Protein backbone atom coordinates (compact mmCIF):
# COMPACT_ATOMS: atom_id res chain seq x y z
CA MET A 1 26.64 67.46 -62.79
CA ARG A 2 29.19 64.70 -63.10
CA LEU A 3 27.22 61.49 -63.63
CA HIS A 4 28.83 58.06 -63.71
CA CYS A 5 27.14 55.46 -65.91
CA VAL A 6 27.91 51.79 -65.24
CA GLN A 7 27.56 49.71 -68.42
CA HIS A 8 27.65 45.91 -68.24
CA VAL A 9 27.89 44.97 -71.94
CA PRO A 10 28.81 46.93 -75.08
CA PHE A 11 25.27 46.81 -76.50
CA GLU A 12 23.33 48.28 -73.55
CA GLY A 13 24.61 51.81 -73.22
CA PRO A 14 22.95 55.00 -71.99
CA ALA A 15 21.25 55.68 -75.34
CA ALA A 16 18.91 58.70 -74.94
CA ILE A 17 20.25 59.31 -71.42
CA ALA A 18 23.48 60.46 -73.10
CA ASP A 19 21.45 62.85 -75.28
CA TRP A 20 19.81 64.35 -72.19
CA CYS A 21 23.19 64.82 -70.50
CA ALA A 22 24.70 66.46 -73.58
CA ALA A 23 21.73 68.82 -74.00
CA ARG A 24 22.03 70.02 -70.40
CA GLY A 25 25.79 70.22 -70.12
CA HIS A 26 26.18 67.33 -67.68
CA VAL A 27 29.36 65.25 -67.81
CA LEU A 28 28.64 61.54 -68.39
CA VAL A 29 31.50 59.27 -67.35
CA GLY A 30 31.27 55.68 -68.59
CA VAL A 31 32.35 52.82 -66.31
CA HIS A 32 32.77 49.40 -67.98
CA PRO A 33 33.58 46.76 -65.34
CA TYR A 34 33.32 43.89 -67.86
CA ARG A 35 36.46 45.21 -69.55
CA GLY A 36 38.33 45.96 -66.35
CA ASP A 37 37.35 49.53 -65.46
CA ALA A 38 37.68 50.37 -61.78
CA PHE A 39 34.68 51.82 -59.98
CA PRO A 40 35.06 55.48 -59.00
CA PRO A 41 35.40 56.69 -55.41
CA ILE A 42 32.07 57.95 -54.12
CA GLU A 43 33.59 61.42 -53.62
CA SER A 44 33.76 61.87 -57.41
CA VAL A 45 30.20 60.67 -58.06
CA GLU A 46 27.48 63.33 -58.12
CA GLY A 47 24.94 60.96 -59.63
CA LEU A 48 24.96 57.27 -60.58
CA ILE A 49 23.31 55.46 -63.50
CA VAL A 50 23.35 51.66 -63.68
CA MET A 51 22.37 50.16 -67.03
CA GLY A 52 21.10 46.74 -68.14
CA GLY A 53 22.68 43.51 -69.28
CA PRO A 54 21.97 39.80 -69.81
CA MET A 55 23.53 38.69 -66.53
CA SER A 56 21.74 38.34 -63.20
CA ALA A 57 21.95 40.59 -60.18
CA ASN A 58 22.61 37.33 -58.30
CA ASP A 59 25.76 36.46 -60.29
CA ASP A 60 28.21 37.60 -57.59
CA ALA A 61 30.07 34.26 -57.70
CA LYS A 62 30.57 34.41 -61.49
CA LEU A 63 31.25 38.13 -61.90
CA THR A 64 34.19 39.27 -59.80
CA TRP A 65 33.23 42.94 -60.14
CA LEU A 66 29.53 42.68 -59.19
CA ALA A 67 30.09 42.84 -55.42
CA ASP A 68 32.17 46.00 -55.90
CA GLU A 69 29.42 47.50 -58.04
CA LYS A 70 26.83 46.80 -55.36
CA ARG A 71 29.09 48.46 -52.79
CA LEU A 72 29.28 51.56 -55.02
CA VAL A 73 25.48 51.65 -55.29
CA GLU A 74 25.18 51.26 -51.52
CA ARG A 75 27.65 54.10 -50.91
CA ALA A 76 25.79 56.33 -53.34
CA LEU A 77 22.52 55.68 -51.54
CA ARG A 78 24.06 56.35 -48.13
CA ALA A 79 25.64 59.56 -49.41
CA GLY A 80 22.29 60.78 -50.75
CA ARG A 81 23.39 60.78 -54.37
CA PRO A 82 20.66 60.32 -57.00
CA VAL A 83 20.75 56.80 -58.45
CA LEU A 84 19.00 55.49 -61.57
CA GLY A 85 18.83 51.75 -62.23
CA VAL A 86 17.64 50.53 -65.65
CA CYS A 87 16.55 46.90 -66.21
CA LEU A 88 19.41 44.90 -64.62
CA GLY A 89 20.34 48.16 -62.91
CA ALA A 90 16.92 48.27 -61.25
CA GLN A 91 17.39 44.69 -60.08
CA ILE A 92 20.83 45.53 -58.67
CA LEU A 93 19.33 48.55 -56.91
CA ALA A 94 16.56 46.40 -55.45
CA SER A 95 19.13 43.82 -54.30
CA VAL A 96 21.26 46.47 -52.59
CA LEU A 97 18.12 47.70 -50.81
CA GLY A 98 17.57 44.20 -49.43
CA ALA A 99 14.92 42.87 -51.83
CA ARG A 100 14.91 39.47 -53.49
CA VAL A 101 15.74 39.20 -57.23
CA TYR A 102 14.41 36.08 -58.96
CA ARG A 103 13.12 34.58 -62.19
CA ALA A 104 9.83 36.12 -63.31
CA ARG A 105 6.83 33.93 -64.08
CA GLU A 106 7.17 34.90 -67.73
CA ARG A 107 9.84 36.61 -69.76
CA GLU A 108 8.88 40.04 -71.07
CA ILE A 109 10.60 40.99 -74.32
CA GLY A 110 9.27 43.61 -76.72
CA TRP A 111 6.99 46.62 -76.65
CA TRP A 112 4.36 46.07 -73.95
CA PRO A 113 1.94 48.50 -72.25
CA LEU A 114 2.98 49.86 -68.88
CA ARG A 115 0.56 51.29 -66.28
CA VAL A 116 1.73 54.14 -64.08
CA ARG A 117 0.32 53.70 -60.58
CA PRO A 118 -1.50 56.47 -58.68
CA GLU A 119 1.36 56.66 -56.17
CA ALA A 120 3.60 58.03 -58.92
CA ARG A 121 1.30 61.03 -59.33
CA GLU A 122 1.99 62.42 -55.88
CA THR A 123 5.58 63.53 -56.43
CA GLY A 124 8.84 62.34 -57.90
CA PRO A 125 10.40 61.47 -61.27
CA LEU A 126 7.29 59.92 -62.88
CA SER A 127 4.74 62.46 -61.66
CA SER A 128 4.23 63.95 -65.14
CA TRP A 129 3.98 60.62 -66.99
CA PRO A 130 0.69 59.54 -68.60
CA ASP A 131 -1.40 56.73 -67.15
CA THR A 132 -0.09 54.29 -69.78
CA LEU A 133 2.88 54.11 -72.14
CA VAL A 134 4.56 51.47 -74.29
CA PRO A 135 8.28 51.11 -73.52
CA LEU A 136 10.71 48.38 -74.53
CA HIS A 137 11.06 45.43 -72.14
CA TRP A 138 13.84 42.83 -72.16
CA HIS A 139 14.05 40.82 -68.96
CA GLY A 140 13.49 37.37 -67.53
CA GLU A 141 14.00 38.25 -63.87
CA THR A 142 12.23 40.60 -61.52
CA PHE A 143 12.39 41.68 -57.88
CA ASP A 144 10.33 42.15 -54.76
CA LEU A 145 9.59 45.73 -53.83
CA PRO A 146 12.28 46.93 -51.37
CA ALA A 147 11.14 47.90 -47.90
CA GLY A 148 10.26 51.59 -47.83
CA ALA A 149 10.04 51.88 -51.62
CA VAL A 150 7.15 53.44 -53.54
CA HIS A 151 5.68 51.21 -56.25
CA LEU A 152 5.39 53.36 -59.38
CA ALA A 153 4.48 51.18 -62.38
CA GLU A 154 3.33 47.70 -63.43
CA THR A 155 2.52 45.46 -66.41
CA ASP A 156 0.34 42.39 -66.81
CA ALA A 157 3.42 40.15 -66.96
CA VAL A 158 5.57 41.68 -64.22
CA PRO A 159 3.93 43.73 -61.43
CA HIS A 160 7.08 45.43 -60.10
CA GLN A 161 8.24 47.58 -63.01
CA ALA A 162 9.34 50.80 -61.31
CA PHE A 163 9.98 52.06 -57.81
CA SER A 164 11.48 55.00 -56.00
CA HIS A 165 13.39 54.92 -52.74
CA GLY A 166 14.63 58.26 -51.47
CA ARG A 167 16.71 59.72 -54.31
CA ALA A 168 16.87 56.39 -56.16
CA LEU A 169 14.71 55.29 -59.09
CA GLY A 170 14.52 51.77 -60.50
CA LEU A 171 13.01 51.18 -63.96
CA GLN A 172 12.84 47.58 -65.17
CA PHE A 173 11.99 48.73 -68.72
CA HIS A 174 13.93 50.71 -71.33
CA VAL A 175 12.45 54.19 -71.56
CA GLU A 176 15.90 55.36 -72.77
CA ALA A 177 15.58 53.30 -75.96
CA THR A 178 16.52 54.79 -79.32
CA PRO A 179 16.30 53.15 -82.76
CA GLY A 180 20.05 52.57 -82.53
CA SER A 181 19.90 50.92 -79.11
CA VAL A 182 16.96 48.76 -80.24
CA ALA A 183 19.00 47.57 -83.22
CA GLU A 184 21.94 46.77 -80.93
CA ILE A 185 20.05 44.75 -78.36
CA THR A 186 18.06 42.78 -80.93
CA ALA A 187 21.27 41.94 -82.81
CA ALA A 188 23.01 40.77 -79.64
CA CYS A 189 20.15 39.09 -77.79
CA ALA A 190 17.66 37.74 -80.34
CA HIS A 191 18.65 34.21 -79.26
CA GLU A 192 16.99 34.87 -75.89
CA ILE A 193 13.53 35.27 -77.44
CA GLY A 194 11.20 32.32 -77.02
CA SER A 195 7.53 31.77 -77.71
CA GLY A 196 6.06 33.07 -74.47
CA ARG A 197 2.95 35.24 -74.25
CA PHE A 198 5.02 38.37 -73.70
CA GLU A 199 7.86 37.74 -76.16
CA GLN A 200 7.89 39.45 -79.54
CA PRO A 201 10.16 38.43 -82.45
CA ALA A 202 13.27 40.53 -83.04
CA SER A 203 11.98 41.72 -86.42
CA GLY A 204 8.77 42.97 -84.81
CA ILE A 205 10.70 44.74 -82.06
CA ARG A 206 12.87 46.57 -84.61
CA ALA A 207 9.79 47.43 -86.70
CA GLN A 208 8.27 49.28 -83.74
CA SER A 209 11.29 51.51 -83.11
CA GLU A 210 9.13 54.54 -83.84
CA CYS A 211 7.83 54.08 -80.27
CA CYS A 212 11.14 55.56 -79.07
CA ALA A 213 10.09 59.08 -80.06
CA ALA A 214 7.19 59.11 -77.59
CA LEU A 215 9.45 57.89 -74.76
CA ARG A 216 12.06 60.63 -75.11
CA PRO A 217 10.15 63.49 -73.37
CA LEU A 218 9.11 61.10 -70.58
CA LEU A 219 12.71 60.05 -70.01
CA PHE A 220 13.88 63.67 -70.02
CA ALA A 221 11.21 64.67 -67.50
CA ALA A 222 12.15 61.83 -65.16
CA LEU A 223 15.88 62.57 -65.41
CA GLY A 224 15.26 66.25 -64.79
CA GLU A 225 13.44 65.45 -61.55
CA LEU A 226 15.85 62.75 -60.37
CA PHE A 227 19.07 64.64 -61.04
CA ARG A 228 17.78 68.03 -60.00
CA GLN A 229 20.55 70.01 -58.27
């Protein structure tokens, strides 16, 4: 498949998603709107991946390219293309589907337990995931569940952590994390970390990078289901 990956900042790339694509012979095309890349025509997109970033899904007035990105996501959904949204990407996906994106009650930064809901067991990208896992979180905003979406996962801090909607999957957490991507985001965004109940220090986040190894097969299973031809 030819998968387009929208990246919003240099330090939040596809990470282990790129490894999955390479292992299966998929072509991964990077799109970097923050440095002036044009969005592709929907005819050339077989699958769409939208990554994270420190901006808000509501920043249309500040980011001249965000409205165009949302239009691409909307076209992909209408065309029945598989779409994956990660962190900010999940919030953009929720926004395009008509849901509200807003500041969460508490910021969630670090390695925190995630519960997979029973609905995820029925079918879909997370059907083989365990009941609990510990992915990396780095977000201060969240979203309402879009109309018609299936609620797939939750945490104590932020109830809406994952959802599916047709061939789209939104993950507010970073199951694609690798030790390299953890080092990059902590180097770039450590200033965002406060003293909240669900905020771990950057040094502690880097020290737990061994958690990435357990996430890799879960990511690969979800991608295999979502981007199944």
